[in-house]
Amino acid sequence: QVQLVESGGGLVQAGGSLRLSCIASGSKFDISTVGWYRQVPGAQRELVATQTAGDLRNYAPFAKGRFTISRDNDKATLDLQMNDLKPDDTAVYYCYLYERWSDVSYWGQGTQVTVSS
């Protein structure tokens, strides 16, 4: 059973930084695509950033230049460094893992990020 557990959310002032972390278990982490999504109430979950097993990174336009995704295959962890945070970044952030061979996606429970103006 794949489990993803996020940590690192919290309250920060605009312009500040946060680092989110996700620990994966029960998966072949090193050959999976991983990423971060976010969601605000009443809206669809949206892509923040993904990183393939081959280390290709994809960022949403709002994340480029401010957010950095990274993974440690030995530890089966995924991080999201978020800098220059804005109030519009306030959302619940979800860790994501996609197993291409089984075509199954897994999600963490989410961690709240709140950016005050």
PDB file of N, CA and C in Angstrom:
ATOM      1  N   GLN A   1       0.848  -1.183   0.000  1.00  0.00           N
ATOM      2  CA  GLN A   1       0.000   0.000   0.000  1.00  0.00           C
ATOM      3  C   GLN A   1       0.891   1.243   0.000  1.00  0.00           C
ATOM      4  N   VAL A   2       0.680   2.090  -1.002  1.00  0.00           N
ATOM      5  CA  VAL A   2       1.462   3.316  -1.100  1.00  0.00           C
ATOM      6  C   VAL A   2       0.905   4.359  -0.130  1.00  0.00           C
ATOM      7  N   GLN A   3       1.793   4.984   0.618  1.00  0.00           N
ATOM      8  CA  GLN A   3       1.395   6.069   1.510  1.00  0.00           C
ATOM      9  C   GLN A   3       2.306   7.263   1.290  1.00  0.00           C
ATOM     10  N   LEU A   4       1.700   8.441   1.292  1.00  0.00           N
ATOM     11  CA  LEU A   4       2.426   9.689   1.141  1.00  0.00           C
ATOM     12  C   LEU A   4       2.065  10.578   2.322  1.00  0.00           C
ATOM     13  N   VAL A   5       3.070  11.095   2.989  1.00  0.00           N
ATOM     14  CA  VAL A   5       2.829  11.934   4.167  1.00  0.00           C
ATOM     15  C   VAL A   5       3.571  13.254   3.990  1.00  0.00           C
ATOM     16  N   GLU A   6       2.801  14.332   3.956  1.00  0.00           N
ATOM     17  CA  GLU A   6       3.379  15.665   3.787  1.00  0.00           C
ATOM     18  C   GLU A   6       3.657  16.319   5.130  1.00  0.00           C
ATOM     19  N   SER A   7       4.568  17.266   5.094  1.00  0.00           N
ATOM     20  CA  SER A   7       4.844  18.101   6.267  1.00  0.00           C
ATOM     21  C   SER A   7       5.415  19.424   5.772  1.00  0.00           C
ATOM     22  N   GLY A   8       5.446  20.401   6.668  1.00  0.00           N
ATOM     23  CA  GLY A   8       6.101  21.652   6.345  1.00  0.00           C
ATOM     24  C   GLY A   8       5.183  22.816   6.042  1.00  0.00           C
ATOM     25  N   GLY A   9       3.885  22.587   6.003  1.00  0.00           N
ATOM     26  CA  GLY A   9       2.977  23.703   5.772  1.00  0.00           C
ATOM     27  C   GLY A   9       2.921  24.623   6.977  1.00  0.00           C
ATOM     28  N   GLY A  10       2.228  25.733   6.802  1.00  0.00           N
ATOM     29  CA  GLY A  10       2.091  26.666   7.913  1.00  0.00           C
ATOM     30  C   GLY A  10       1.699  28.043   7.450  1.00  0.00           C
ATOM     31  N   LEU A  11       1.856  28.993   8.354  1.00  0.00           N
ATOM     32  CA  LEU A  11       1.513  30.383   8.091  1.00  0.00           C
ATOM     33  C   LEU A  11       2.786  31.187   7.865  1.00  0.00           C
ATOM     34  N   VAL A  12       2.801  31.971   6.817  1.00  0.00           N
ATOM     35  CA  VAL A  12       3.974  32.778   6.499  1.00  0.00           C
ATOM     36  C   VAL A  12       3.512  34.111   5.921  1.00  0.00           C
ATOM     37  N   GLN A  13       4.301  35.126   6.111  1.00  0.00           N
ATOM     38  CA  GLN A  13       3.975  36.429   5.533  1.00  0.00           C
ATOM     39  C   GLN A  13       4.363  36.468   4.064  1.00  0.00           C
ATOM     40  N   ALA A  14       3.697  37.317   3.327  1.00  0.00           N
ATOM     41  CA  ALA A  14       4.018  37.501   1.913  1.00  0.00           C
ATOM     42  C   ALA A  14       5.496  37.853   1.768  1.00  0.00           C
ATOM     43  N   GLY A  15       6.118  37.222   0.771  1.00  0.00           N
ATOM     44  CA  GLY A  15       7.546  37.401   0.559  1.00  0.00           C
ATOM     45  C   GLY A  15       8.401  36.376   1.266  1.00  0.00           C
ATOM     46  N   GLY A  16       7.797  35.615   2.157  1.00  0.00           N
ATOM     47  CA  GLY A  16       8.526  34.607   2.911  1.00  0.00           C
ATOM     48  C   GLY A  16       8.679  33.308   2.156  1.00  0.00           C
ATOM     49  N   SER A  17       9.244  32.312   2.842  1.00  0.00           N
ATOM     50  CA  SER A  17       9.522  31.019   2.226  1.00  0.00           C
ATOM     51  C   SER A  17       9.010  29.887   3.105  1.00  0.00           C
ATOM     52  N   LEU A  18       8.695  28.796   2.461  1.00  0.00           N
ATOM     53  CA  LEU A  18       8.353  27.543   3.139  1.00  0.00           C
ATOM     54  C   LEU A  18       8.926  26.390   2.334  1.00  0.00           C
ATOM     55  N   ARG A  19       9.224  25.316   3.043  1.00  0.00           N
ATOM     56  CA  ARG A  19       9.676  24.100   2.376  1.00  0.00           C
ATOM     57  C   ARG A  19       8.747  22.964   2.773  1.00  0.00           C
ATOM     58  N   LEU A  20       8.098  22.393   1.782  1.00  0.00           N
ATOM     59  CA  LEU A  20       7.226  21.246   2.004  1.00  0.00           C
ATOM     60  C   LEU A  20       8.012  19.963   1.743  1.00  0.00           C
ATOM     61  N   SER A  21       7.710  18.944   2.520  1.00  0.00           N
ATOM     62  CA  SER A  21       8.340  17.645   2.331  1.00  0.00           C
ATOM     63  C   SER A  21       7.285  16.556   2.277  1.00  0.00           C
ATOM     64  N   CYS A  22       7.627  15.497   1.587  1.00  0.00           N
ATOM     65  CA  CYS A  22       6.720  14.356   1.461  1.00  0.00           C
ATOM     66  C   CYS A  22       7.552  13.085   1.550  1.00  0.00           C
ATOM     67  N   ILE A  23       7.115  12.174   2.390  1.00  0.00           N
ATOM     68  CA  ILE A  23       7.783  10.879   2.523  1.00  0.00           C
ATOM     69  C   ILE A  23       6.870   9.810   1.943  1.00  0.00           C
ATOM     70  N   ALA A  24       7.430   9.006   1.038  1.00  0.00           N
ATOM     71  CA  ALA A  24       6.657   7.952   0.393  1.00  0.00           C
ATOM     72  C   ALA A  24       7.061   6.593   0.930  1.00  0.00           C
ATOM     73  N   SER A  25       6.097   5.715   1.044  1.00  0.00           N
ATOM     74  CA  SER A  25       6.376   4.337   1.436  1.00  0.00           C
ATOM     75  C   SER A  25       5.504   3.405   0.618  1.00  0.00           C
ATOM     76  N   GLY A  26       6.003   2.202   0.422  1.00  0.00           N
ATOM     77  CA  GLY A  26       5.224   1.204  -0.276  1.00  0.00           C
ATOM     78  C   GLY A  26       5.223   1.331  -1.780  1.00  0.00           C
ATOM     79  N   SER A  27       6.091   2.175  -2.322  1.00  0.00           N
ATOM     80  CA  SER A  27       6.101   2.361  -3.772  1.00  0.00           C
ATOM     81  C   SER A  27       7.504   2.171  -4.317  1.00  0.00           C
ATOM     82  N   LYS A  28       7.560   2.011  -5.630  1.00  0.00           N
ATOM     83  CA  LYS A  28       8.848   2.019  -6.315  1.00  0.00           C
ATOM     84  C   LYS A  28       9.154   3.468  -6.643  1.00  0.00           C
ATOM     85  N   PHE A  29       9.527   4.197  -5.616  1.00  0.00           N
ATOM     86  CA  PHE A  29       9.630   5.647  -5.706  1.00  0.00           C
ATOM     87  C   PHE A  29      10.566   6.089  -6.817  1.00  0.00           C
ATOM     88  N   ASP A  30      11.683   5.397  -6.957  1.00  0.00           N
ATOM     89  CA  ASP A  30      12.719   5.877  -7.874  1.00  0.00           C
ATOM     90  C   ASP A  30      12.309   5.799  -9.341  1.00  0.00           C
ATOM     91  N   ILE A  31      11.272   5.020  -9.668  1.00  0.00           N
ATOM     92  CA  ILE A  31      10.839   4.936 -11.062  1.00  0.00           C
ATOM     93  C   ILE A  31       9.442   5.527 -11.257  1.00  0.00           C
ATOM     94  N   SER A  32       9.002   6.310 -10.279  1.00  0.00           N
ATOM     95  CA  SER A  32       7.694   6.952 -10.350  1.00  0.00           C
ATOM     96  C   SER A  32       7.843   8.433 -10.657  1.00  0.00           C
ATOM     97  N   THR A  33       6.805   8.989 -11.261  1.00  0.00           N
ATOM     98  CA  THR A  33       6.700  10.441 -11.375  1.00  0.00           C
ATOM     99  C   THR A  33       6.098  10.974 -10.081  1.00  0.00           C
ATOM    100  N   VAL A  34       6.663  12.033  -9.574  1.00  0.00           N
ATOM    101  CA  VAL A  34       6.173  12.621  -8.333  1.00  0.00           C
ATOM    102  C   VAL A  34       5.904  14.103  -8.542  1.00  0.00           C
ATOM    103  N   GLY A  35       5.147  14.673  -7.639  1.00  0.00           N
ATOM    104  CA  GLY A  35       4.858  16.082  -7.820  1.00  0.00           C
ATOM    105  C   GLY A  35       4.045  16.672  -6.686  1.00  0.00           C
ATOM    106  N   TRP A  36       3.700  17.933  -6.897  1.00  0.00           N
ATOM    107  CA  TRP A  36       2.881  18.682  -5.943  1.00  0.00           C
ATOM    108  C   TRP A  36       1.724  19.333  -6.686  1.00  0.00           C
ATOM    109  N   TYR A  37       0.572  19.280  -6.060  1.00  0.00           N
ATOM    110  CA  TYR A  37      -0.617  19.976  -6.535  1.00  0.00           C
ATOM    111  C   TYR A  37      -1.145  20.819  -5.379  1.00  0.00           C
ATOM    112  N   ARG A  38      -2.050  21.731  -5.699  1.00  0.00           N
ATOM    113  CA  ARG A  38      -2.661  22.516  -4.640  1.00  0.00           C
ATOM    114  C   ARG A  38      -4.136  22.753  -4.954  1.00  0.00           C
ATOM    115  N   GLN A  39      -4.867  23.068  -3.903  1.00  0.00           N
ATOM    116  CA  GLN A  39      -6.307  23.252  -4.073  1.00  0.00           C
ATOM    117  C   GLN A  39      -6.820  24.254  -3.051  1.00  0.00           C
ATOM    118  N   VAL A  40      -7.676  25.146  -3.545  1.00  0.00           N
ATOM    119  CA  VAL A  40      -8.384  26.061  -2.665  1.00  0.00           C
ATOM    120  C   VAL A  40      -9.857  25.672  -2.671  1.00  0.00           C
ATOM    121  N   PRO A  41     -10.587  26.017  -1.627  1.00  0.00           N
ATOM    122  CA  PRO A  41     -12.013  25.640  -1.563  1.00  0.00           C
ATOM    123  C   PRO A  41     -12.778  26.147  -2.781  1.00  0.00           C
ATOM    124  N   GLY A  42     -13.582  25.260  -3.359  1.00  0.00           N
ATOM    125  CA  GLY A  42     -14.409  25.641  -4.489  1.00  0.00           C
ATOM    126  C   GLY A  42     -13.716  25.588  -5.828  1.00  0.00           C
ATOM    127  N   ALA A  43     -12.445  25.229  -5.838  1.00  0.00           N
ATOM    128  CA  ALA A  43     -11.705  25.182  -7.093  1.00  0.00           C
ATOM    129  C   ALA A  43     -11.146  23.788  -7.319  1.00  0.00           C
ATOM    130  N   GLN A  44     -10.764  23.514  -8.562  1.00  0.00           N
ATOM    131  CA  GLN A  44     -10.144  22.226  -8.874  1.00  0.00           C
ATOM    132  C   GLN A  44      -8.703  22.198  -8.375  1.00  0.00           C
ATOM    133  N   ARG A  45      -8.245  20.997  -8.129  1.00  0.00           N
ATOM    134  CA  ARG A  45      -6.852  20.811  -7.751  1.00  0.00           C
ATOM    135  C   ARG A  45      -5.992  21.169  -8.963  1.00  0.00           C
ATOM    136  N   GLU A  46      -4.925  21.930  -8.746  1.00  0.00           N
ATOM    137  CA  GLU A  46      -4.096  22.362  -9.866  1.00  0.00           C
ATOM    138  C   GLU A  46      -2.637  21.951  -9.673  1.00  0.00           C
ATOM    139  N   LEU A  47      -2.005  21.728 -10.796  1.00  0.00           N
ATOM    140  CA  LEU A  47      -0.599  21.354 -10.798  1.00  0.00           C
ATOM    141  C   LEU A  47       0.263  22.485 -10.273  1.00  0.00           C
ATOM    142  N   VAL A  48       1.227  22.138  -9.440  1.00  0.00           N
ATOM    143  CA  VAL A  48       2.266  23.067  -9.026  1.00  0.00           C
ATOM    144  C   VAL A  48       3.568  22.711  -9.733  1.00  0.00           C
ATOM    145  N   ALA A  49       4.001  21.467  -9.559  1.00  0.00           N
ATOM    146  CA  ALA A  49       5.243  21.012 -10.188  1.00  0.00           C
ATOM    147  C   ALA A  49       5.283  19.497 -10.171  1.00  0.00           C
ATOM    148  N   THR A  50       5.933  18.924 -11.183  1.00  0.00           N
ATOM    149  CA  THR A  50       6.162  17.486 -11.209  1.00  0.00           C
ATOM    150  C   THR A  50       7.620  17.210 -11.566  1.00  0.00           C
ATOM    151  N   GLN A  51       8.062  16.026 -11.212  1.00  0.00           N
ATOM    152  CA  GLN A  51       9.416  15.590 -11.540  1.00  0.00           C
ATOM    153  C   GLN A  51       9.359  14.116 -11.904  1.00  0.00           C
ATOM    154  N   THR A  52       9.830  13.795 -13.099  1.00  0.00           N
ATOM    155  CA  THR A  52       9.791  12.414 -13.554  1.00  0.00           C
ATOM    156  C   THR A  52      10.949  11.618 -12.952  1.00  0.00           C
ATOM    157  N   ALA A  53      10.901  10.313 -13.188  1.00  0.00           N
ATOM    158  CA  ALA A  53      11.992   9.455 -12.747  1.00  0.00           C
ATOM    159  C   ALA A  53      13.292   9.839 -13.422  1.00  0.00           C
ATOM    160  N   GLY A  54      13.201  10.408 -14.602  1.00  0.00           N
ATOM    161  CA  GLY A  54      14.381  10.867 -15.318  1.00  0.00           C
ATOM    162  C   GLY A  54      14.781  12.295 -14.990  1.00  0.00           C
ATOM    163  N   ASP A  55      14.179  12.839 -13.924  1.00  0.00           N
ATOM    164  CA  ASP A  55      14.513  14.177 -13.406  1.00  0.00           C
ATOM    165  C   ASP A  55      14.050  15.327 -14.303  1.00  0.00           C
ATOM    166  N   LEU A  56      13.103  15.078 -15.190  1.00  0.00           N
ATOM    167  CA  LEU A  56      12.506  16.181 -15.935  1.00  0.00           C
ATOM    168  C   LEU A  56      11.518  16.893 -15.024  1.00  0.00           C
ATOM    169  N   ARG A  57      11.650  18.187 -14.933  1.00  0.00           N
ATOM    170  CA  ARG A  57      10.783  18.989 -14.064  1.00  0.00           C
ATOM    171  C   ARG A  57       9.820  19.826 -14.893  1.00  0.00           C
ATOM    172  N   ASN A  58       8.602  19.904 -14.394  1.00  0.00           N
ATOM    173  CA  ASN A  58       7.588  20.715 -15.044  1.00  0.00           C
ATOM    174  C   ASN A  58       6.951  21.597 -13.983  1.00  0.00           C
ATOM    175  N   TYR A  59       6.848  22.880 -14.270  1.00  0.00           N
ATOM    176  CA  TYR A  59       6.275  23.831 -13.315  1.00  0.00           C
ATOM    177  C   TYR A  59       5.074  24.547 -13.915  1.00  0.00           C
ATOM    178  N   ALA A  60       4.107  24.835 -13.066  1.00  0.00           N
ATOM    179  CA  ALA A  60       3.020  25.718 -13.466  1.00  0.00           C
ATOM    180  C   ALA A  60       3.597  27.117 -13.657  1.00  0.00           C
ATOM    181  N   PRO A  61       3.002  27.922 -14.529  1.00  0.00           N
ATOM    182  CA  PRO A  61       3.534  29.278 -14.757  1.00  0.00           C
ATOM    183  C   PRO A  61       3.719  30.080 -13.476  1.00  0.00           C
ATOM    184  N   PHE A  62       2.791  29.942 -12.523  1.00  0.00           N
ATOM    185  CA  PHE A  62       2.899  30.738 -11.294  1.00  0.00           C
ATOM    186  C   PHE A  62       4.052  30.275 -10.415  1.00  0.00           C
ATOM    187  N   ALA A  63       4.529  29.049 -10.643  1.00  0.00           N
ATOM    188  CA  ALA A  63       5.591  28.492  -9.802  1.00  0.00           C
ATOM    189  C   ALA A  63       6.997  28.742 -10.361  1.00  0.00           C
ATOM    190  N   LYS A  64       7.080  28.992 -11.644  1.00  0.00           N
ATOM    191  CA  LYS A  64       8.395  29.166 -12.267  1.00  0.00           C
ATOM    192  C   LYS A  64       9.135  30.350 -11.650  1.00  0.00           C
ATOM    193  N   GLY A  65      10.382  30.096 -11.293  1.00  0.00           N
ATOM    194  CA  GLY A  65      11.208  31.156 -10.724  1.00  0.00           C
ATOM    195  C   GLY A  65      11.049  31.351  -9.234  1.00  0.00           C
ATOM    196  N   ARG A  66       9.996  30.758  -8.650  1.00  0.00           N
ATOM    197  CA  ARG A  66       9.782  30.915  -7.209  1.00  0.00           C
ATOM    198  C   ARG A  66       9.827  29.577  -6.465  1.00  0.00           C
ATOM    199  N   PHE A  67       9.360  28.520  -7.112  1.00  0.00           N
ATOM    200  CA  PHE A  67       9.278  27.203  -6.476  1.00  0.00           C
ATOM    201  C   PHE A  67      10.300  26.264  -7.114  1.00  0.00           C
ATOM    202  N   THR A  68      10.822  25.358  -6.299  1.00  0.00           N
ATOM    203  CA  THR A  68      11.747  24.349  -6.799  1.00  0.00           C
ATOM    204  C   THR A  68      11.361  22.994  -6.238  1.00  0.00           C
ATOM    205  N   ILE A  69      11.161  22.042  -7.147  1.00  0.00           N
ATOM    206  CA  ILE A  69      10.852  20.676  -6.747  1.00  0.00           C
ATOM    207  C   ILE A  69      12.131  19.853  -6.768  1.00  0.00           C
ATOM    208  N   SER A  70      12.247  18.948  -5.790  1.00  0.00           N
ATOM    209  CA  SER A  70      13.416  18.068  -5.756  1.00  0.00           C
ATOM    210  C   SER A  70      13.021  16.746  -5.121  1.00  0.00           C
ATOM    211  N   ARG A  71      13.783  15.716  -5.456  1.00  0.00           N
ATOM    212  CA  ARG A  71      13.503  14.387  -4.937  1.00  0.00           C
ATOM    213  C   ARG A  71      14.785  13.717  -4.491  1.00  0.00           C
ATOM    214  N   ASP A  72      14.655  12.828  -3.522  1.00  0.00           N
ATOM    215  CA  ASP A  72      15.770  12.002  -3.053  1.00  0.00           C
ATOM    216  C   ASP A  72      15.303  10.560  -3.139  1.00  0.00           C
ATOM    217  N   ASN A  73      15.760   9.870  -4.160  1.00  0.00           N
ATOM    218  CA  ASN A  73      15.292   8.504  -4.379  1.00  0.00           C
ATOM    219  C   ASN A  73      15.764   7.545  -3.286  1.00  0.00           C
ATOM    220  N   ASP A  74      16.914   7.817  -2.719  1.00  0.00           N
ATOM    221  CA  ASP A  74      17.418   6.930  -1.655  1.00  0.00           C
ATOM    222  C   ASP A  74      16.528   7.004  -0.412  1.00  0.00           C
ATOM    223  N   LYS A  75      16.014   8.186  -0.134  1.00  0.00           N
ATOM    224  CA  LYS A  75      15.164   8.372   1.048  1.00  0.00           C
ATOM    225  C   LYS A  75      13.676   8.310   0.715  1.00  0.00           C
ATOM    226  N   ALA A  76      13.354   8.235  -0.586  1.00  0.00           N
ATOM    227  CA  ALA A  76      11.954   8.244  -1.038  1.00  0.00           C
ATOM    228  C   ALA A  76      11.234   9.481  -0.524  1.00  0.00           C
ATOM    229  N   THR A  77      11.882  10.618  -0.712  1.00  0.00           N
ATOM    230  CA  THR A  77      11.295  11.882  -0.276  1.00  0.00           C
ATOM    231  C   THR A  77      11.209  12.860  -1.441  1.00  0.00           C
ATOM    232  N   LEU A  78      10.273  13.755  -1.298  1.00  0.00           N
ATOM    233  CA  LEU A  78      10.011  14.781  -2.303  1.00  0.00           C
ATOM    234  C   LEU A  78       9.844  16.107  -1.569  1.00  0.00           C
ATOM    235  N   ASP A  79      10.490  17.137  -2.063  1.00  0.00           N
ATOM    236  CA  ASP A  79      10.405  18.446  -1.433  1.00  0.00           C
ATOM    237  C   ASP A  79       9.900  19.498  -2.420  1.00  0.00           C
ATOM    238  N   LEU A  80       9.364  20.562  -1.857  1.00  0.00           N
ATOM    239  CA  LEU A  80       8.991  21.725  -2.650  1.00  0.00           C
ATOM    240  C   LEU A  80       9.453  22.959  -1.889  1.00  0.00           C
ATOM    241  N   GLN A  81      10.460  23.617  -2.411  1.00  0.00           N
ATOM    242  CA  GLN A  81      10.931  24.861  -1.825  1.00  0.00           C
ATOM    243  C   GLN A  81      10.146  26.002  -2.456  1.00  0.00           C
ATOM    244  N   MET A  82       9.486  26.787  -1.621  1.00  0.00           N
ATOM    245  CA  MET A  82       8.650  27.875  -2.115  1.00  0.00           C
ATOM    246  C   MET A  82       9.197  29.191  -1.578  1.00  0.00           C
ATOM    247  N   ASN A  83       9.573  30.059  -2.486  1.00  0.00           N
ATOM    248  CA  ASN A  83      10.117  31.369  -2.121  1.00  0.00           C
ATOM    249  C   ASN A  83       9.211  32.481  -2.626  1.00  0.00           C
ATOM    250  N   ASP A  84       9.386  33.659  -2.058  1.00  0.00           N
ATOM    251  CA  ASP A  84       8.611  34.824  -2.471  1.00  0.00           C
ATOM    252  C   ASP A  84       7.109  34.496  -2.515  1.00  0.00           C
ATOM    253  N   LEU A  85       6.639  33.932  -1.444  1.00  0.00           N
ATOM    254  CA  LEU A  85       5.238  33.507  -1.400  1.00  0.00           C
ATOM    255  C   LEU A  85       4.285  34.693  -1.433  1.00  0.00           C
ATOM    256  N   LYS A  86       3.144  34.466  -2.060  1.00  0.00           N
ATOM    257  CA  LYS A  86       2.117  35.489  -2.231  1.00  0.00           C
ATOM    258  C   LYS A  86       0.815  35.002  -1.603  1.00  0.00           C
ATOM    259  N   PRO A  87      -0.064  35.928  -1.227  1.00  0.00           N
ATOM    260  CA  PRO A  87      -1.350  35.481  -0.671  1.00  0.00           C
ATOM    261  C   PRO A  87      -2.103  34.514  -1.580  1.00  0.00           C
ATOM    262  N   ASP A  88      -1.954  34.660  -2.897  1.00  0.00           N
ATOM    263  CA  ASP A  88      -2.621  33.744  -3.839  1.00  0.00           C
ATOM    264  C   ASP A  88      -2.062  32.326  -3.765  1.00  0.00           C
ATOM    265  N   ASP A  89      -0.949  32.142  -3.100  1.00  0.00           N
ATOM    266  CA  ASP A  89      -0.399  30.790  -2.937  1.00  0.00           C
ATOM    267  C   ASP A  89      -1.073  30.037  -1.794  1.00  0.00           C
ATOM    268  N   THR A  90      -1.936  30.708  -1.073  1.00  0.00           N
ATOM    269  CA  THR A  90      -2.655  30.056   0.019  1.00  0.00           C
ATOM    270  C   THR A  90      -3.520  28.929  -0.529  1.00  0.00           C
ATOM    271  N   ALA A  91      -3.310  27.731  -0.006  1.00  0.00           N
ATOM    272  CA  ALA A  91      -4.009  26.538  -0.497  1.00  0.00           C
ATOM    273  C   ALA A  91      -3.599  25.341   0.348  1.00  0.00           C
ATOM    274  N   VAL A  92      -4.277  24.238   0.123  1.00  0.00           N
ATOM    275  CA  VAL A  92      -3.810  22.956   0.642  1.00  0.00           C
ATOM    276  C   VAL A  92      -2.927  22.333  -0.436  1.00  0.00           C
ATOM    277  N   TYR A  93      -1.736  21.946  -0.056  1.00  0.00           N
ATOM    278  CA  TYR A  93      -0.774  21.378  -0.994  1.00  0.00           C
ATOM    279  C   TYR A  93      -0.717  19.858  -0.807  1.00  0.00           C
ATOM    280  N   TYR A  94      -0.781  19.152  -1.936  1.00  0.00           N
ATOM    281  CA  TYR A  94      -0.831  17.701  -1.921  1.00  0.00           C
ATOM    282  C   TYR A  94       0.378  17.107  -2.628  1.00  0.00           C
ATOM    283  N   CYS A  95       0.955  16.127  -2.001  1.00  0.00           N
ATOM    284  CA  CYS A  95       2.015  15.329  -2.602  1.00  0.00           C
ATOM    285  C   CYS A  95       1.364  14.292  -3.526  1.00  0.00           C
ATOM    286  N   TYR A  96       2.020  13.976  -4.601  1.00  0.00           N
ATOM    287  CA  TYR A  96       1.446  13.142  -5.660  1.00  0.00           C
ATOM    288  C   TYR A  96       2.504  12.161  -6.167  1.00  0.00           C
ATOM    289  N   LEU A  97       2.081  10.943  -6.413  1.00  0.00           N
ATOM    290  CA  LEU A  97       2.970   9.940  -7.001  1.00  0.00           C
ATOM    291  C   LEU A  97       2.198   9.185  -8.066  1.00  0.00           C
ATOM    292  N   TYR A  98       2.800   9.014  -9.216  1.00  0.00           N
ATOM    293  CA  TYR A  98       2.150   8.320 -10.333  1.00  0.00           C
ATOM    294  C   TYR A  98       3.013   7.138 -10.760  1.00  0.00           C
ATOM    295  N   GLU A  99       2.375   5.968 -10.734  1.00  0.00           N
ATOM    296  CA  GLU A  99       3.042   4.752 -11.190  1.00  0.00           C
ATOM    297  C   GLU A  99       2.627   4.508 -12.634  1.00  0.00           C
ATOM    298  N   ARG A 100       3.548   4.731 -13.541  1.00  0.00           N
ATOM    299  CA  ARG A 100       3.216   4.598 -14.967  1.00  0.00           C
ATOM    300  C   ARG A 100       2.856   3.166 -15.331  1.00  0.00           C
ATOM    301  N   TRP A 101       3.538   2.192 -14.714  1.00  0.00           N
ATOM    302  CA  TRP A 101       3.304   0.803 -15.108  1.00  0.00           C
ATOM    303  C   TRP A 101       1.924   0.295 -14.713  1.00  0.00           C
ATOM    304  N   SER A 102       1.357   0.869 -13.632  1.00  0.00           N
ATOM    305  CA  SER A 102       0.027   0.455 -13.199  1.00  0.00           C
ATOM    306  C   SER A 102      -1.024   1.500 -13.524  1.00  0.00           C
ATOM    307  N   ASP A 103      -0.567   2.687 -13.993  1.00  0.00           N
ATOM    308  CA  ASP A 103      -1.462   3.811 -14.289  1.00  0.00           C
ATOM    309  C   ASP A 103      -2.305   4.179 -13.068  1.00  0.00           C
ATOM    310  N   VAL A 104      -1.678   4.186 -11.920  1.00  0.00           N
ATOM    311  CA  VAL A 104      -2.374   4.532 -10.680  1.00  0.00           C
ATOM    312  C   VAL A 104      -1.686   5.740 -10.059  1.00  0.00           C
ATOM    313  N   SER A 105      -2.520   6.677  -9.566  1.00  0.00           N
ATOM    314  CA  SER A 105      -2.017   7.862  -8.877  1.00  0.00           C
ATOM    315  C   SER A 105      -2.324   7.781  -7.391  1.00  0.00           C
ATOM    316  N   TYR A 106      -1.434   8.311  -6.610  1.00  0.00           N
ATOM    317  CA  TYR A 106      -1.610   8.329  -5.163  1.00  0.00           C
ATOM    318  C   TYR A 106      -1.443   9.762  -4.663  1.00  0.00           C
ATOM    319  N   TRP A 107      -2.156  10.057  -3.581  1.00  0.00           N
ATOM    320  CA  TRP A 107      -2.148  11.403  -3.017  1.00  0.00           C
ATOM    321  C   TRP A 107      -1.889  11.361  -1.517  1.00  0.00           C
ATOM    322  N   GLY A 108      -1.200  12.374  -1.034  1.00  0.00           N
ATOM    323  CA  GLY A 108      -1.082  12.549   0.400  1.00  0.00           C
ATOM    324  C   GLY A 108      -2.330  13.191   0.963  1.00  0.00           C
ATOM    325  N   GLN A 109      -2.322  13.422   2.257  1.00  0.00           N
ATOM    326  CA  GLN A 109      -3.504  13.961   2.921  1.00  0.00           C
ATOM    327  C   GLN A 109      -3.583  15.479   2.799  1.00  0.00           C
ATOM    328  N   GLY A 110      -2.502  16.097   2.372  1.00  0.00           N
ATOM    329  CA  GLY A 110      -2.478  17.540   2.181  1.00  0.00           C
ATOM    330  C   GLY A 110      -1.922  18.283   3.382  1.00  0.00           C
ATOM    331  N   THR A 111      -1.305  19.414   3.091  1.00  0.00           N
ATOM    332  CA  THR A 111      -0.792  20.277   4.145  1.00  0.00           C
ATOM    333  C   THR A 111      -1.160  21.729   3.806  1.00  0.00           C
ATOM    334  N   GLN A 112      -1.657  22.437   4.801  1.00  0.00           N
ATOM    335  CA  GLN A 112      -2.157  23.796   4.569  1.00  0.00           C
ATOM    336  C   GLN A 112      -1.008  24.794   4.529  1.00  0.00           C
ATOM    337  N   VAL A 113      -1.042  25.626   3.503  1.00  0.00           N
ATOM    338  CA  VAL A 113      -0.119  26.758   3.406  1.00  0.00           C
ATOM    339  C   VAL A 113      -0.960  28.024   3.380  1.00  0.00           C
ATOM    340  N   THR A 114      -0.675  28.920   4.294  1.00  0.00           N
ATOM    341  CA  THR A 114      -1.395  30.181   4.367  1.00  0.00           C
ATOM    342  C   THR A 114      -0.398  31.324   4.308  1.00  0.00           C
ATOM    343  N   VAL A 115      -0.616  32.223   3.353  1.00  0.00           N
ATOM    344  CA  VAL A 115       0.278  33.363   3.169  1.00  0.00           C
ATOM    345  C   VAL A 115      -0.511  34.634   3.487  1.00  0.00           C
ATOM    346  N   SER A 116      -0.060  35.346   4.475  1.00  0.00           N
ATOM    347  CA  SER A 116      -0.746  36.576   4.886  1.00  0.00           C
ATOM    348  C   SER A 116      -0.132  37.782   4.185  1.00  0.00           C
ATOM    349  N   SER A 117      -0.987  38.765   3.938  1.00  0.00           N
ATOM    350  CA  SER A 117      -0.515  39.971   3.234  1.00  0.00           C
ATOM    351  C   SER A 117       0.006  41.018   4.202  1.00  0.00           C
TER     352      SER A 117
END
